[in-house]
Amino acid sequence: MNHLLSSPRPPEEYIKHIERVKEQFNIVYPLFESALARILAINDIRDALHKMVVFHDLGKLTEKWQIIVERECRENKNLHKPAHSPIGAAYLYKILPEGLKEPISFAVAIHHSDRGFLGDNIEKPDVQAINDGIVNYSTNKIVWDERVNELENEYFPEDTRNLDIAALKEMARRLRLWS
């Protein structure tokens, strides 16, 4: 497989997945814009929510996640993949403004809670990342698939490369306090 993948069955390219979610966002957002602005007391949250859409699956760009999802495609079976939600949540926590970082990061961290994956996404995502083998043990940074170098800055900004277990730990600690 040449392209970064979002899912094994049916195989979907990562960028196509993000673009599809952006299309859905553009349909749904106008319906809820005024309510969100009222609830969050912020007039322009479109940019923050757009970032949520783009980075919600950032953790799928880790080297190990890509190796496993490609193997799933080849072997046509389900394998345990590293948790991906906390990675996007931690990145969003770092880049979003005060007042929005908590609810948006929380939403991303739990966006697969319907499948029972919530626990460690909020409690100990740093330990989870280490146990999942997506961290370089000498730098404590997330290990990204080398193909991220081919992505445009919109999908993989330069500062994403510096995401580490400290960012996961800080995000989790702050979200627990916030909640």
Foldseek 3Di string as FASTA:
>chain_A
DPAQFDAQVVTDGPVRQLVVLVVVCVVCCVVCQVVVCVVLVHNDCPVLVNLLSLLLQVQCQFPQNRVQSVVCNVVVDDDDAQDRQLLSLLVSLVPDDPSPSQVSSQCSLCVPCVVVPRVCSQVPVLVSCVVNPQADVVLQWGHGDPCVVVDDCSRPNPCSRRHGSVSSVVSSVVNVVVD
